[in-house]
Structure formats: C-alpha cells, structure tokens
Amino acid sequence: MNYQKNSWWIEGLKGLLVLILGIICLVNPAGALAAIAIYLGILAIAAGLGIVIVSVAGKGSYWQFWIVEGFFNLIIGILLVSFPKAAIHILIVFISLWIIAMGILQLFTYSNLRKSGHTSNLVLFTAILSLLIGILFLFNPFEGAKVVAIILGIFALIYGVSSLITAFQLLGKRNPRSL
C-alpha cells in the first residue's frame, strides 16, 4: 500500500488542528500565547521529570549533569505554567532587543555601503523599520505579543488550509475499495 495515499486522514487532521490554532490566535491572541506558554511548560516539566528519573536510576556517565538539566527543565516548566503572561513578556522583550540589534546592524551596513559608493535605500528602510518595530515591542510588549500571535494565526490558517487541500488530494488518489 502507498503510505501517502492511505495517510490522507492524518494530513487532514493535522490541517484541521492547525486551522483551529490559527483561528484561536486571531480571535484571542493573548489567550493563545498564554496557552502555548503553558503547553511548553508542561512539556518542560515532563522532560525534566524524565531526565531526573533516568539519570538517578541509571547513574551512568555524567549523570550529575543530567540531573542539573532535568531540574533546570523542571524549574523552567513550573515558571511557564505558573506565570505564562510573564514568560510571554520576557520572550517579547528578547525579540524586541534582537530586532533593535538587527536594525542597528543594518544602519552600519547602510553606512558602509554609502562609504563604498553604493547606496541602498532598501537597507536604510529595513534598518529604520526594524528599529521602530523593536522599540514599539520593547515599550509595549503586550501589543508585540498580540502581533506575534496574529502572525502565527495567519501562518496557521494558510498551513491548515494547505494541509486540508493536500488531504483531499490524497483522498482522491485512493483506491475506492481500500476505504
């Protein structure tokens, strides 16, 4: 049997779930990001517990380092689950600083291009845009988080629709007797 032809329902389910995520992100951006932070926290807690249990039970080479990693995961997970909005705020601050740094580097690039006799208004435009967006996100991280959620939502809608179309295409290629 051809795996792709028989896995149409997996692709369809994935598309539907991602489509739902996209709708949630667009309807309630702050709530969607908080839910994602909590989900990541639960994953970190599970990973941390697993690492600690395996490292204590096995006590193989470097088991002490594994325990430290496990407890680090546990602490991060507990913080994410306990304070999801603070976690989002911190993430947006880091993203803001990164965008500002990229804008500054683009200004240096623009300056170097001008010195060498080349000009690129596009580089200057992206530098200024990066600085403005970075500063906006830095001084208003909640709005920055909403923008991130909306972009994620738009991407999820496109990806979900694409997966659903692929699922229907795979379903159409199936042998009717194999249903």
N, C-alpha and C. Protein backbone atom coordinates (compact mmCIF):
# COMPACT_ATOMS: atom_id res chain seq x y z
N MET A 1 0.84 -1.20 0.00
CA MET A 1 0.00 0.00 0.00
C MET A 1 0.87 1.25 0.00
N ASN A 2 0.42 2.25 -0.66
CA ASN A 2 1.14 3.51 -0.70
C ASN A 2 0.79 4.31 0.55
N TYR A 3 1.82 4.63 1.34
CA TYR A 3 1.60 5.32 2.61
C TYR A 3 0.88 6.65 2.40
N GLN A 4 1.34 7.44 1.42
CA GLN A 4 0.74 8.76 1.21
C GLN A 4 -0.74 8.67 0.88
N LYS A 5 -1.09 7.71 0.06
CA LYS A 5 -2.50 7.58 -0.32
C LYS A 5 -3.35 7.16 0.87
N ASN A 6 -2.79 6.41 1.81
CA ASN A 6 -3.56 5.93 2.94
C ASN A 6 -3.44 6.83 4.17
N SER A 7 -2.65 7.88 4.08
CA SER A 7 -2.48 8.75 5.23
C SER A 7 -3.20 10.09 5.05
N TRP A 8 -4.16 10.11 4.16
CA TRP A 8 -4.88 11.35 3.90
C TRP A 8 -5.54 11.88 5.17
N TRP A 9 -6.03 10.99 6.00
CA TRP A 9 -6.75 11.42 7.20
C TRP A 9 -5.80 12.04 8.23
N ILE A 10 -4.54 11.59 8.26
CA ILE A 10 -3.56 12.20 9.17
C ILE A 10 -3.28 13.63 8.72
N GLU A 11 -3.09 13.80 7.43
CA GLU A 11 -2.86 15.14 6.87
C GLU A 11 -4.07 16.02 7.10
N GLY A 12 -5.26 15.47 6.95
CA GLY A 12 -6.49 16.22 7.18
C GLY A 12 -6.65 16.63 8.64
N LEU A 13 -6.35 15.71 9.55
CA LEU A 13 -6.45 16.00 10.98
C LEU A 13 -5.44 17.08 11.36
N LYS A 14 -4.22 16.94 10.86
CA LYS A 14 -3.19 17.96 11.12
C LYS A 14 -3.67 19.31 10.60
N GLY A 15 -4.19 19.34 9.39
CA GLY A 15 -4.67 20.59 8.81
C GLY A 15 -5.78 21.21 9.63
N LEU A 16 -6.71 20.37 10.08
CA LEU A 16 -7.83 20.86 10.89
C LEU A 16 -7.34 21.44 12.21
N LEU A 17 -6.42 20.73 12.89
CA LEU A 17 -5.91 21.21 14.18
C LEU A 17 -5.12 22.51 14.02
N VAL A 18 -4.31 22.60 12.98
CA VAL A 18 -3.54 23.83 12.75
C VAL A 18 -4.48 24.97 12.36
N LEU A 19 -5.52 24.67 11.60
CA LEU A 19 -6.52 25.67 11.24
C LEU A 19 -7.21 26.21 12.49
N ILE A 20 -7.56 25.32 13.41
CA ILE A 20 -8.18 25.74 14.67
C ILE A 20 -7.22 26.62 15.47
N LEU A 21 -5.93 26.23 15.52
CA LEU A 21 -4.93 27.05 16.20
C LEU A 21 -4.89 28.44 15.58
N GLY A 22 -4.92 28.52 14.26
CA GLY A 22 -4.90 29.81 13.58
C GLY A 22 -6.09 30.68 13.95
N ILE A 23 -7.27 30.08 13.99
CA ILE A 23 -8.48 30.83 14.36
C ILE A 23 -8.37 31.32 15.79
N ILE A 24 -7.90 30.46 16.70
CA ILE A 24 -7.75 30.85 18.11
C ILE A 24 -6.77 32.01 18.23
N CYS A 25 -5.64 31.93 17.51
CA CYS A 25 -4.64 33.00 17.56
C CYS A 25 -5.21 34.32 17.06
N LEU A 26 -6.06 34.28 16.05
CA LEU A 26 -6.62 35.51 15.50
C LEU A 26 -7.76 36.05 16.36
N VAL A 27 -8.55 35.16 16.96
CA VAL A 27 -9.68 35.59 17.78
C VAL A 27 -9.22 36.06 19.16
N ASN A 28 -8.26 35.33 19.75
CA ASN A 28 -7.80 35.65 21.10
C ASN A 28 -6.27 35.52 21.17
N PRO A 29 -5.55 36.50 20.62
CA PRO A 29 -4.09 36.37 20.55
C PRO A 29 -3.41 36.19 21.90
N ALA A 30 -3.82 36.98 22.90
CA ALA A 30 -3.17 36.88 24.21
C ALA A 30 -3.44 35.53 24.85
N GLY A 31 -4.66 35.07 24.75
CA GLY A 31 -5.01 33.76 25.31
C GLY A 31 -4.29 32.62 24.62
N ALA A 32 -4.13 32.75 23.30
CA ALA A 32 -3.43 31.71 22.55
C ALA A 32 -1.97 31.61 22.97
N LEU A 33 -1.32 32.76 23.13
CA LEU A 33 0.09 32.73 23.55
C LEU A 33 0.24 32.20 24.97
N ALA A 34 -0.70 32.55 25.85
CA ALA A 34 -0.65 32.01 27.21
C ALA A 34 -0.81 30.50 27.18
N ALA A 35 -1.72 30.01 26.35
CA ALA A 35 -1.92 28.56 26.24
C ALA A 35 -0.67 27.88 25.70
N ILE A 36 0.00 28.50 24.73
CA ILE A 36 1.23 27.94 24.19
C ILE A 36 2.31 27.91 25.26
N ALA A 37 2.41 28.99 26.06
CA ALA A 37 3.40 29.02 27.15
C ALA A 37 3.13 27.91 28.16
N ILE A 38 1.87 27.70 28.50
CA ILE A 38 1.51 26.64 29.45
C ILE A 38 1.84 25.27 28.85
N TYR A 39 1.52 25.08 27.59
CA TYR A 39 1.82 23.81 26.91
C TYR A 39 3.32 23.54 26.93
N LEU A 40 4.13 24.56 26.59
CA LEU A 40 5.58 24.39 26.62
C LEU A 40 6.06 24.11 28.04
N GLY A 41 5.41 24.73 29.03
CA GLY A 41 5.75 24.46 30.42
C GLY A 41 5.49 23.02 30.80
N ILE A 42 4.37 22.49 30.37
CA ILE A 42 4.04 21.08 30.65
C ILE A 42 5.06 20.16 29.98
N LEU A 43 5.44 20.49 28.74
CA LEU A 43 6.47 19.69 28.06
C LEU A 43 7.79 19.74 28.82
N ALA A 44 8.18 20.93 29.30
CA ALA A 44 9.44 21.07 30.04
C ALA A 44 9.39 20.29 31.35
N ILE A 45 8.25 20.30 32.03
CA ILE A 45 8.11 19.54 33.28
C ILE A 45 8.23 18.05 33.00
N ALA A 46 7.54 17.58 31.97
CA ALA A 46 7.61 16.16 31.62
C ALA A 46 9.04 15.76 31.25
N ALA A 47 9.69 16.58 30.45
CA ALA A 47 11.08 16.28 30.06
C ALA A 47 11.99 16.30 31.28
N GLY A 48 11.81 17.29 32.14
CA GLY A 48 12.63 17.38 33.35
C GLY A 48 12.47 16.18 34.25
N LEU A 49 11.22 15.78 34.47
CA LEU A 49 10.98 14.58 35.30
C LEU A 49 11.62 13.35 34.69
N GLY A 50 11.44 13.19 33.39
CA GLY A 50 12.03 12.04 32.71
C GLY A 50 13.54 12.01 32.83
N ILE A 51 14.17 13.15 32.63
CA ILE A 51 15.64 13.22 32.70
C ILE A 51 16.12 12.91 34.11
N VAL A 52 15.46 13.48 35.12
CA VAL A 52 15.87 13.23 36.51
C VAL A 52 15.71 11.76 36.85
N ILE A 53 14.57 11.18 36.51
CA ILE A 53 14.33 9.76 36.84
C ILE A 53 15.35 8.86 36.16
N VAL A 54 15.58 9.08 34.88
CA VAL A 54 16.53 8.23 34.14
C VAL A 54 17.95 8.41 34.67
N SER A 55 18.33 9.65 34.98
CA SER A 55 19.71 9.86 35.44
C SER A 55 19.93 9.30 36.83
N VAL A 56 18.94 9.39 37.72
CA VAL A 56 19.09 8.82 39.07
C VAL A 56 19.07 7.30 39.00
N ALA A 57 18.19 6.75 38.19
CA ALA A 57 18.08 5.29 38.09
C ALA A 57 19.31 4.68 37.43
N GLY A 58 19.83 5.34 36.40
CA GLY A 58 20.93 4.77 35.63
C GLY A 58 22.30 5.07 36.22
N LYS A 59 22.47 6.28 36.74
CA LYS A 59 23.75 6.75 37.27
C LYS A 59 24.91 6.39 36.35
N GLY A 60 24.68 6.61 35.05
CA GLY A 60 25.74 6.36 34.07
C GLY A 60 26.73 7.51 34.08
N SER A 61 27.50 7.61 33.03
CA SER A 61 28.49 8.68 32.98
C SER A 61 27.79 10.04 32.90
N TYR A 62 28.33 10.97 33.61
CA TYR A 62 27.84 12.35 33.66
C TYR A 62 26.41 12.46 34.18
N TRP A 63 25.99 11.56 35.02
CA TRP A 63 24.60 11.59 35.50
C TRP A 63 24.30 12.85 36.29
N GLN A 64 25.33 13.43 36.94
CA GLN A 64 25.10 14.66 37.71
C GLN A 64 24.67 15.81 36.79
N PHE A 65 25.27 15.86 35.61
CA PHE A 65 24.91 16.91 34.66
C PHE A 65 23.48 16.72 34.15
N TRP A 66 23.10 15.47 33.97
CA TRP A 66 21.73 15.17 33.53
C TRP A 66 20.73 15.61 34.59
N ILE A 67 21.08 15.41 35.86
CA ILE A 67 20.17 15.84 36.94
C ILE A 67 20.01 17.36 36.91
N VAL A 68 21.12 18.07 36.73
CA VAL A 68 21.05 19.53 36.65
C VAL A 68 20.15 19.95 35.49
N GLU A 69 20.34 19.31 34.33
CA GLU A 69 19.49 19.62 33.18
C GLU A 69 18.03 19.32 33.49
N GLY A 70 17.78 18.19 34.14
CA GLY A 70 16.41 17.82 34.49
C GLY A 70 15.76 18.83 35.41
N PHE A 71 16.50 19.25 36.45
CA PHE A 71 15.94 20.24 37.37
C PHE A 71 15.77 21.60 36.71
N PHE A 72 16.68 21.94 35.81
CA PHE A 72 16.54 23.19 35.06
C PHE A 72 15.24 23.16 34.24
N ASN A 73 14.99 22.05 33.56
CA ASN A 73 13.74 21.89 32.80
C ASN A 73 12.53 21.99 33.72
N LEU A 74 12.61 21.35 34.87
CA LEU A 74 11.50 21.41 35.82
C LEU A 74 11.22 22.85 36.26
N ILE A 75 12.27 23.58 36.60
CA ILE A 75 12.09 24.96 37.06
C ILE A 75 11.49 25.82 35.94
N ILE A 76 12.04 25.72 34.74
CA ILE A 76 11.50 26.49 33.61
C ILE A 76 10.04 26.11 33.36
N GLY A 77 9.74 24.81 33.40
CA GLY A 77 8.37 24.35 33.18
C GLY A 77 7.40 24.89 34.21
N ILE A 78 7.81 24.83 35.47
CA ILE A 78 6.94 25.34 36.54
C ILE A 78 6.72 26.84 36.38
N LEU A 79 7.77 27.57 36.03
CA LEU A 79 7.63 29.02 35.81
C LEU A 79 6.70 29.31 34.64
N LEU A 80 6.84 28.57 33.54
CA LEU A 80 5.97 28.78 32.38
C LEU A 80 4.51 28.50 32.72
N VAL A 81 4.27 27.42 33.45
CA VAL A 81 2.89 27.07 33.81
C VAL A 81 2.33 28.06 34.83
N SER A 82 3.16 28.49 35.78
CA SER A 82 2.69 29.38 36.84
C SER A 82 2.53 30.83 36.37
N PHE A 83 3.40 31.27 35.48
CA PHE A 83 3.40 32.67 35.04
C PHE A 83 3.48 32.78 33.51
N PRO A 84 2.47 32.29 32.80
CA PRO A 84 2.56 32.30 31.33
C PRO A 84 2.66 33.70 30.74
N LYS A 85 1.95 34.67 31.31
CA LYS A 85 1.99 36.02 30.74
C LYS A 85 3.36 36.66 30.94
N ALA A 86 3.98 36.40 32.09
CA ALA A 86 5.33 36.92 32.33
C ALA A 86 6.32 36.28 31.35
N ALA A 87 6.14 35.00 31.08
CA ALA A 87 7.02 34.31 30.13
C ALA A 87 6.89 34.92 28.74
N ILE A 88 5.67 35.23 28.34
CA ILE A 88 5.43 35.86 27.04
C ILE A 88 6.09 37.24 27.01
N HIS A 89 5.92 37.98 28.10
CA HIS A 89 6.50 39.32 28.22
C HIS A 89 8.02 39.26 28.04
N ILE A 90 8.67 38.34 28.74
CA ILE A 90 10.12 38.18 28.65
C ILE A 90 10.54 37.81 27.23
N LEU A 91 9.80 36.88 26.62
CA LEU A 91 10.11 36.48 25.24
C LEU A 91 10.02 37.66 24.29
N ILE A 92 8.99 38.46 24.42
CA ILE A 92 8.81 39.61 23.54
C ILE A 92 9.92 40.65 23.77
N VAL A 93 10.36 40.81 25.02
CA VAL A 93 11.47 41.73 25.29
C VAL A 93 12.73 41.25 24.56
N PHE A 94 13.01 39.94 24.64
CA PHE A 94 14.18 39.40 23.93
C PHE A 94 14.05 39.58 22.41
N ILE A 95 12.86 39.32 21.89
CA ILE A 95 12.63 39.52 20.46
C ILE A 95 12.82 40.99 20.09
N SER A 96 12.33 41.89 20.95
CA SER A 96 12.48 43.33 20.70
C SER A 96 13.95 43.73 20.63
N LEU A 97 14.73 43.24 21.60
CA LEU A 97 16.16 43.57 21.62
C LEU A 97 16.87 43.02 20.38
N TRP A 98 16.46 41.83 19.96
CA TRP A 98 17.04 41.23 18.75
C TRP A 98 16.71 42.08 17.52
N ILE A 99 15.46 42.51 17.41
CA ILE A 99 15.04 43.33 16.26
C ILE A 99 15.78 44.67 16.26
N ILE A 100 15.94 45.27 17.44
CA ILE A 100 16.68 46.53 17.54
C ILE A 100 18.14 46.33 17.12
N ALA A 101 18.75 45.24 17.61
CA ALA A 101 20.14 44.95 17.23
C ALA A 101 20.27 44.77 15.72
N MET A 102 19.31 44.09 15.12
CA MET A 102 19.34 43.90 13.66
C MET A 102 19.21 45.25 12.95
N GLY A 103 18.37 46.13 13.48
CA GLY A 103 18.22 47.47 12.89
C GLY A 103 19.52 48.27 12.97
N ILE A 104 20.19 48.19 14.12
CA ILE A 104 21.48 48.88 14.28
C ILE A 104 22.51 48.33 13.30
N LEU A 105 22.55 47.01 13.18
CA LEU A 105 23.49 46.40 12.23
C LEU A 105 23.17 46.80 10.79
N GLN A 106 21.89 46.93 10.48
CA GLN A 106 21.50 47.38 9.14
C GLN A 106 21.95 48.82 8.89
N LEU A 107 21.91 49.65 9.94
CA LEU A 107 22.41 51.02 9.79
C LEU A 107 23.91 51.03 9.49
N PHE A 108 24.66 50.17 10.18
CA PHE A 108 26.09 50.05 9.88
C PHE A 108 26.31 49.58 8.44
N THR A 109 25.51 48.62 8.02
CA THR A 109 25.62 48.13 6.65
C THR A 109 25.34 49.26 5.66
N TYR A 110 24.30 50.02 5.92
CA TYR A 110 23.96 51.15 5.05
C TYR A 110 25.10 52.16 5.00
N SER A 111 25.67 52.46 6.17
CA SER A 111 26.78 53.40 6.25
C SER A 111 27.99 52.91 5.46
N ASN A 112 28.31 51.63 5.59
CA ASN A 112 29.44 51.06 4.86
C ASN A 112 29.18 51.04 3.35
N LEU A 113 27.95 50.77 2.97
CA LEU A 113 27.61 50.79 1.54
C LEU A 113 27.78 52.20 0.97
N ARG A 114 27.36 53.20 1.73
CA ARG A 114 27.49 54.60 1.27
C ARG A 114 28.95 54.99 1.12
N LYS A 115 29.77 54.56 2.09
CA LYS A 115 31.21 54.89 2.04
C LYS A 115 31.88 54.26 0.82
N SER A 116 31.38 53.10 0.42
CA SER A 116 31.99 52.42 -0.73
C SER A 116 31.38 52.86 -2.06
N GLY A 117 30.50 53.86 -2.00
CA GLY A 117 29.93 54.39 -3.23
C GLY A 117 28.62 53.74 -3.64
N HIS A 118 28.12 52.82 -2.86
CA HIS A 118 26.85 52.15 -3.17
C HIS A 118 25.79 52.69 -2.20
N THR A 119 24.61 52.81 -2.69
CA THR A 119 23.52 53.19 -1.79
C THR A 119 22.40 52.18 -1.95
N SER A 120 21.79 51.92 -0.84
CA SER A 120 20.66 51.01 -0.86
C SER A 120 19.59 51.57 0.07
N ASN A 121 18.60 52.17 -0.55
CA ASN A 121 17.50 52.71 0.25
C ASN A 121 16.73 51.60 0.94
N LEU A 122 16.74 50.40 0.36
CA LEU A 122 16.05 49.27 0.98
C LEU A 122 16.71 48.91 2.31
N VAL A 123 18.03 48.93 2.37
CA VAL A 123 18.74 48.63 3.62
C VAL A 123 18.40 49.69 4.67
N LEU A 124 18.39 50.95 4.27
CA LEU A 124 18.03 52.02 5.19
C LEU A 124 16.59 51.86 5.67
N PHE A 125 15.70 51.54 4.74
CA PHE A 125 14.29 51.34 5.10
C PHE A 125 14.13 50.21 6.11
N THR A 126 14.78 49.06 5.86
CA THR A 126 14.64 47.93 6.79
C THR A 126 15.29 48.25 8.14
N ALA A 127 16.36 49.05 8.13
CA ALA A 127 17.00 49.44 9.39
C ALA A 127 16.04 50.28 10.23
N ILE A 128 15.45 51.28 9.60
CA ILE A 128 14.52 52.16 10.32
C ILE A 128 13.29 51.39 10.76
N LEU A 129 12.75 50.56 9.89
CA LEU A 129 11.58 49.75 10.24
C LEU A 129 11.89 48.82 11.40
N SER A 130 13.05 48.17 11.37
CA SER A 130 13.45 47.27 12.46
C SER A 130 13.55 48.03 13.77
N LEU A 131 14.17 49.20 13.73
CA LEU A 131 14.30 49.99 14.96
C LEU A 131 12.94 50.41 15.50
N LEU A 132 12.06 50.86 14.62
CA LEU A 132 10.72 51.28 15.06
C LEU A 132 9.93 50.12 15.66
N ILE A 133 9.93 48.97 14.97
CA ILE A 133 9.19 47.81 15.47
C ILE A 133 9.80 47.31 16.77
N GLY A 134 11.13 47.24 16.83
CA GLY A 134 11.80 46.79 18.04
C GLY A 134 11.49 47.67 19.23
N ILE A 135 11.53 48.98 19.03
CA ILE A 135 11.23 49.92 20.12
C ILE A 135 9.76 49.82 20.51
N LEU A 136 8.87 49.72 19.53
CA LEU A 136 7.44 49.56 19.82
C LEU A 136 7.20 48.32 20.67
N PHE A 137 7.78 47.18 20.26
CA PHE A 137 7.61 45.94 21.02
C PHE A 137 8.23 46.06 22.41
N LEU A 138 9.38 46.73 22.51
CA LEU A 138 10.08 46.84 23.79
C LEU A 138 9.27 47.64 24.80
N PHE A 139 8.67 48.74 24.34
CA PHE A 139 7.92 49.58 25.25
C PHE A 139 6.46 49.19 25.39
N ASN A 140 6.01 48.28 24.56
CA ASN A 140 4.64 47.78 24.67
C ASN A 140 4.64 46.29 24.31
N PRO A 141 5.24 45.46 25.19
CA PRO A 141 5.39 44.04 24.85
C PRO A 141 4.07 43.30 24.69
N PHE A 142 3.01 43.77 25.36
CA PHE A 142 1.73 43.09 25.21
C PHE A 142 1.23 43.22 23.78
N GLU A 143 1.36 44.41 23.20
CA GLU A 143 0.97 44.59 21.80
C GLU A 143 1.88 43.78 20.89
N GLY A 144 3.17 43.72 21.25
CA GLY A 144 4.10 42.90 20.49
C GLY A 144 3.70 41.44 20.50
N ALA A 145 3.25 40.97 21.66
CA ALA A 145 2.81 39.58 21.78
C ALA A 145 1.58 39.34 20.91
N LYS A 146 0.67 40.32 20.89
CA LYS A 146 -0.51 40.17 20.05
C LYS A 146 -0.14 40.09 18.58
N VAL A 147 0.81 40.91 18.17
CA VAL A 147 1.25 40.89 16.77
C VAL A 147 1.86 39.53 16.43
N VAL A 148 2.69 39.00 17.34
CA VAL A 148 3.29 37.68 17.13
C VAL A 148 2.19 36.63 16.99
N ALA A 149 1.18 36.70 17.86
CA ALA A 149 0.08 35.73 17.81
C ALA A 149 -0.71 35.87 16.51
N ILE A 150 -0.92 37.08 16.07
CA ILE A 150 -1.67 37.29 14.82
C ILE A 150 -0.88 36.75 13.63
N ILE A 151 0.43 37.00 13.61
CA ILE A 151 1.26 36.45 12.52
C ILE A 151 1.22 34.93 12.57
N LEU A 152 1.34 34.36 13.77
CA LEU A 152 1.24 32.91 13.93
C LEU A 152 -0.12 32.42 13.45
N GLY A 153 -1.18 33.15 13.78
CA GLY A 153 -2.52 32.77 13.35
C GLY A 153 -2.68 32.78 11.85
N ILE A 154 -2.16 33.81 11.20
CA ILE A 154 -2.24 33.87 9.73
C ILE A 154 -1.47 32.72 9.11
N PHE A 155 -0.26 32.46 9.62
CA PHE A 155 0.53 31.34 9.12
C PHE A 155 -0.22 30.02 9.33
N ALA A 156 -0.80 29.84 10.51
CA ALA A 156 -1.51 28.59 10.81
C ALA A 156 -2.71 28.41 9.89
N LEU A 157 -3.42 29.49 9.59
CA LEU A 157 -4.56 29.40 8.66
C LEU A 157 -4.09 28.93 7.28
N ILE A 158 -3.03 29.55 6.79
CA ILE A 158 -2.51 29.18 5.46
C ILE A 158 -2.04 27.73 5.47
N TYR A 159 -1.29 27.36 6.50
CA TYR A 159 -0.75 26.00 6.60
C TYR A 159 -1.89 24.99 6.75
N GLY A 160 -2.88 25.32 7.58
CA GLY A 160 -4.01 24.42 7.79
C GLY A 160 -4.81 24.18 6.52
N VAL A 161 -5.09 25.25 5.79
CA VAL A 161 -5.83 25.12 4.53
C VAL A 161 -5.01 24.29 3.54
N SER A 162 -3.71 24.55 3.47
CA SER A 162 -2.84 23.79 2.57
C SER A 162 -2.85 22.30 2.92
N SER A 163 -2.81 21.98 4.21
CA SER A 163 -2.84 20.58 4.64
C SER A 163 -4.18 19.93 4.31
N LEU A 164 -5.27 20.67 4.48
CA LEU A 164 -6.58 20.12 4.14
C LEU A 164 -6.70 19.87 2.64
N ILE A 165 -6.20 20.78 1.83
CA ILE A 165 -6.22 20.58 0.38
C ILE A 165 -5.40 19.35 0.02
N THR A 166 -4.22 19.21 0.63
CA THR A 166 -3.38 18.04 0.38
C THR A 166 -4.10 16.76 0.78
N ALA A 167 -4.80 16.80 1.92
CA ALA A 167 -5.53 15.61 2.39
C ALA A 167 -6.59 15.20 1.37
N PHE A 168 -7.33 16.18 0.85
CA PHE A 168 -8.36 15.85 -0.14
C PHE A 168 -7.74 15.35 -1.44
N GLN A 169 -6.58 15.89 -1.80
CA GLN A 169 -5.90 15.38 -2.99
C GLN A 169 -5.45 13.94 -2.78
N LEU A 170 -4.93 13.64 -1.59
CA LEU A 170 -4.53 12.26 -1.29
C LEU A 170 -5.73 11.33 -1.27
N LEU A 171 -6.84 11.81 -0.72
CA LEU A 171 -8.06 11.01 -0.68
C LEU A 171 -8.53 10.69 -2.09
N GLY A 172 -8.42 11.66 -2.98
CA GLY A 172 -8.84 11.45 -4.37
C GLY A 172 -7.99 10.43 -5.11
N LYS A 173 -6.76 10.21 -4.66
CA LYS A 173 -5.87 9.26 -5.31
C LYS A 173 -6.03 7.84 -4.77
N ARG A 174 -6.86 7.69 -3.75
CA ARG A 174 -7.03 6.37 -3.14
C ARG A 174 -7.85 5.44 -4.02
N ASN A 175 -7.62 4.18 -3.82
CA ASN A 175 -8.43 3.15 -4.46
C ASN A 175 -9.74 3.08 -3.68
N PRO A 176 -10.90 3.27 -4.31
CA PRO A 176 -12.18 3.26 -3.58
C PRO A 176 -12.40 1.98 -2.78
N ARG A 177 -11.82 0.87 -3.21
CA ARG A 177 -12.01 -0.39 -2.48
C ARG A 177 -11.21 -0.42 -1.18
N SER A 178 -10.22 0.49 -1.02
CA SER A 178 -9.40 0.46 0.19
C SER A 178 -9.97 1.32 1.30
N LEU A 179 -11.12 1.95 1.06
CA LEU A 179 -11.77 2.74 2.09
C LEU A 179 -12.36 1.81 3.09
